[in-house]
Amino acid sequence: MENLGEKLKSLRIDRGWTQSKMGELLSVSQDTVSLWERNKSLPDLGAVVRICIECGVSADWLLGLEED
């Protein structure tokens, strides 16, 4: 089972986005995206909502509350 950081990295790579591009779409820095992907920090609720909208995934899936 993937953790949140792995899911974020997978979503980003599947879309061909750099960390900078993902950060731009989510209104955060590239450094923030890097921290999320390495599980050194977690996105706040607003960022989770933006991730779900931009990537077309459910919050349940992103947060590991439903199976892939």
N, C-alpha and C. Protein backbone atom coordinates (compact mmCIF):
# COMPACT_ATOMS: atom_id res chain seq x y z
N MET A 1 0.84 -1.18 0.00
CA MET A 1 0.00 0.00 0.00
C MET A 1 0.89 1.25 0.00
N GLU A 2 0.60 2.14 -0.90
CA GLU A 2 1.37 3.38 -1.00
C GLU A 2 1.02 4.33 0.14
N ASN A 3 2.01 5.08 0.59
CA ASN A 3 1.73 6.13 1.55
C ASN A 3 1.43 7.42 0.80
N LEU A 4 1.07 8.46 1.52
CA LEU A 4 0.67 9.71 0.89
C LEU A 4 1.77 10.28 0.00
N GLY A 5 3.00 10.28 0.49
CA GLY A 5 4.10 10.80 -0.31
C GLY A 5 4.28 10.05 -1.62
N GLU A 6 4.20 8.73 -1.56
CA GLU A 6 4.33 7.91 -2.77
C GLU A 6 3.20 8.20 -3.74
N LYS A 7 1.99 8.36 -3.21
CA LYS A 7 0.84 8.66 -4.08
C LYS A 7 1.01 10.01 -4.77
N LEU A 8 1.46 11.01 -4.01
CA LEU A 8 1.66 12.33 -4.60
C LEU A 8 2.71 12.29 -5.70
N LYS A 9 3.81 11.60 -5.44
CA LYS A 9 4.87 11.50 -6.44
C LYS A 9 4.36 10.76 -7.68
N SER A 10 3.62 9.70 -7.48
CA SER A 10 3.07 8.94 -8.59
C SER A 10 2.09 9.79 -9.42
N LEU A 11 1.22 10.52 -8.74
CA LEU A 11 0.28 11.40 -9.45
C LEU A 11 1.04 12.43 -10.28
N ARG A 12 2.06 13.01 -9.69
CA ARG A 12 2.84 14.04 -10.38
C ARG A 12 3.55 13.48 -11.60
N ILE A 13 4.21 12.35 -11.43
CA ILE A 13 4.96 11.75 -12.53
C ILE A 13 4.02 11.28 -13.63
N ASP A 14 2.89 10.69 -13.27
CA ASP A 14 1.91 10.23 -14.27
C ASP A 14 1.43 11.38 -15.15
N ARG A 15 1.41 12.59 -14.60
CA ARG A 15 0.94 13.75 -15.35
C ARG A 15 2.07 14.50 -16.05
N GLY A 16 3.29 14.05 -15.83
CA GLY A 16 4.44 14.68 -16.47
C GLY A 16 4.81 16.02 -15.85
N TRP A 17 4.43 16.22 -14.59
CA TRP A 17 4.71 17.48 -13.91
C TRP A 17 6.02 17.40 -13.13
N THR A 18 6.73 18.49 -13.10
CA THR A 18 7.86 18.62 -12.19
C THR A 18 7.31 18.99 -10.82
N GLN A 19 8.15 18.92 -9.81
CA GLN A 19 7.71 19.38 -8.50
C GLN A 19 7.35 20.86 -8.54
N SER A 20 8.09 21.62 -9.33
CA SER A 20 7.78 23.05 -9.46
C SER A 20 6.42 23.28 -10.09
N LYS A 21 6.10 22.51 -11.14
CA LYS A 21 4.80 22.65 -11.81
C LYS A 21 3.67 22.26 -10.85
N MET A 22 3.84 21.16 -10.14
CA MET A 22 2.81 20.75 -9.19
C MET A 22 2.63 21.82 -8.12
N GLY A 23 3.73 22.35 -7.62
CA GLY A 23 3.66 23.41 -6.63
C GLY A 23 2.91 24.63 -7.15
N GLU A 24 3.19 24.98 -8.39
CA GLU A 24 2.51 26.13 -9.01
C GLU A 24 1.00 25.88 -9.08
N LEU A 25 0.60 24.69 -9.48
CA LEU A 25 -0.82 24.36 -9.59
C LEU A 25 -1.51 24.34 -8.23
N LEU A 26 -0.75 24.02 -7.19
CA LEU A 26 -1.33 23.89 -5.85
C LEU A 26 -1.06 25.11 -4.97
N SER A 27 -0.40 26.12 -5.54
CA SER A 27 -0.07 27.36 -4.82
C SER A 27 0.84 27.11 -3.62
N VAL A 28 1.82 26.22 -3.83
CA VAL A 28 2.86 25.96 -2.83
C VAL A 28 4.20 25.94 -3.54
N SER A 29 5.28 25.93 -2.78
CA SER A 29 6.61 25.92 -3.38
C SER A 29 7.03 24.51 -3.80
N GLN A 30 8.05 24.44 -4.62
CA GLN A 30 8.64 23.16 -5.02
C GLN A 30 9.17 22.45 -3.78
N ASP A 31 9.74 23.20 -2.86
CA ASP A 31 10.26 22.61 -1.62
C ASP A 31 9.15 21.93 -0.82
N THR A 32 7.97 22.54 -0.80
CA THR A 32 6.84 21.95 -0.08
C THR A 32 6.43 20.63 -0.71
N VAL A 33 6.35 20.60 -2.04
CA VAL A 33 6.01 19.36 -2.74
C VAL A 33 7.05 18.28 -2.42
N SER A 34 8.32 18.66 -2.42
CA SER A 34 9.38 17.71 -2.09
C SER A 34 9.22 17.16 -0.68
N LEU A 35 8.90 18.02 0.28
CA LEU A 35 8.68 17.57 1.66
C LEU A 35 7.51 16.60 1.74
N TRP A 36 6.45 16.89 1.04
CA TRP A 36 5.28 15.99 1.03
C TRP A 36 5.67 14.63 0.47
N GLU A 37 6.37 14.64 -0.67
CA GLU A 37 6.72 13.38 -1.34
C GLU A 37 7.65 12.53 -0.48
N ARG A 38 8.45 13.17 0.36
CA ARG A 38 9.38 12.43 1.23
C ARG A 38 8.79 12.19 2.61
N ASN A 39 7.50 12.49 2.77
CA ASN A 39 6.80 12.30 4.05
C ASN A 39 7.47 13.03 5.20
N LYS A 40 8.05 14.18 4.90
CA LYS A 40 8.66 15.03 5.93
C LYS A 40 7.67 16.08 6.42
N SER A 41 6.58 16.24 5.67
CA SER A 41 5.53 17.20 5.98
C SER A 41 4.25 16.69 5.34
N LEU A 42 3.13 17.17 5.83
CA LEU A 42 1.83 16.77 5.27
C LEU A 42 1.10 17.99 4.73
N PRO A 43 0.36 17.82 3.64
CA PRO A 43 -0.43 18.93 3.12
C PRO A 43 -1.57 19.26 4.09
N ASP A 44 -1.91 20.56 4.16
CA ASP A 44 -3.06 20.94 4.98
C ASP A 44 -4.34 20.61 4.23
N LEU A 45 -5.47 20.82 4.86
CA LEU A 45 -6.75 20.45 4.26
C LEU A 45 -6.98 21.15 2.92
N GLY A 46 -6.65 22.42 2.85
CA GLY A 46 -6.83 23.16 1.59
C GLY A 46 -6.00 22.56 0.47
N ALA A 47 -4.77 22.16 0.79
CA ALA A 47 -3.90 21.55 -0.22
C ALA A 47 -4.43 20.19 -0.64
N VAL A 48 -4.98 19.42 0.30
CA VAL A 48 -5.56 18.12 -0.05
C VAL A 48 -6.70 18.32 -1.03
N VAL A 49 -7.53 19.31 -0.79
CA VAL A 49 -8.65 19.59 -1.71
C VAL A 49 -8.12 19.98 -3.08
N ARG A 50 -7.11 20.85 -3.13
CA ARG A 50 -6.54 21.27 -4.43
C ARG A 50 -5.91 20.09 -5.15
N ILE A 51 -5.21 19.21 -4.42
CA ILE A 51 -4.60 18.03 -5.03
C ILE A 51 -5.69 17.16 -5.67
N CYS A 52 -6.76 16.93 -4.93
CA CYS A 52 -7.85 16.09 -5.44
C CYS A 52 -8.47 16.68 -6.69
N ILE A 53 -8.68 17.99 -6.70
CA ILE A 53 -9.28 18.65 -7.86
C ILE A 53 -8.32 18.60 -9.05
N GLU A 54 -7.08 19.00 -8.86
CA GLU A 54 -6.11 19.06 -9.96
C GLU A 54 -5.78 17.68 -10.53
N CYS A 55 -5.79 16.66 -9.66
CA CYS A 55 -5.39 15.32 -10.09
C CYS A 55 -6.57 14.39 -10.36
N GLY A 56 -7.77 14.85 -10.05
CA GLY A 56 -8.96 14.03 -10.33
C GLY A 56 -9.05 12.77 -9.50
N VAL A 57 -8.66 12.87 -8.23
CA VAL A 57 -8.74 11.72 -7.33
C VAL A 57 -9.59 12.09 -6.12
N SER A 58 -10.07 11.08 -5.43
CA SER A 58 -10.87 11.35 -4.23
C SER A 58 -9.94 11.52 -3.02
N ALA A 59 -10.42 12.27 -2.05
CA ALA A 59 -9.67 12.44 -0.81
C ALA A 59 -9.53 11.10 -0.09
N ASP A 60 -10.56 10.27 -0.17
CA ASP A 60 -10.48 8.95 0.46
C ASP A 60 -9.31 8.15 -0.11
N TRP A 61 -9.17 8.16 -1.44
CA TRP A 61 -8.07 7.42 -2.07
C TRP A 61 -6.73 8.04 -1.67
N LEU A 62 -6.63 9.36 -1.77
CA LEU A 62 -5.37 10.03 -1.49
C LEU A 62 -4.91 9.77 -0.06
N LEU A 63 -5.84 9.76 0.88
CA LEU A 63 -5.51 9.58 2.29
C LEU A 63 -5.48 8.11 2.72
N GLY A 64 -5.68 7.21 1.77
CA GLY A 64 -5.58 5.78 2.07
C GLY A 64 -6.79 5.20 2.75
N LEU A 65 -7.95 5.87 2.60
CA LEU A 65 -9.16 5.38 3.23
C LEU A 65 -9.96 4.44 2.33
N GLU A 66 -9.55 4.35 1.05
CA GLU A 66 -10.16 3.39 0.14
C GLU A 66 -9.05 2.74 -0.68
N GLU A 67 -9.32 1.56 -1.15
CA GLU A 67 -8.33 0.81 -1.92
C GLU A 67 -8.13 1.44 -3.28
N ASP A 68 -6.96 1.14 -3.86
CA ASP A 68 -6.62 1.65 -5.21
C ASP A 68 -7.57 1.15 -6.25
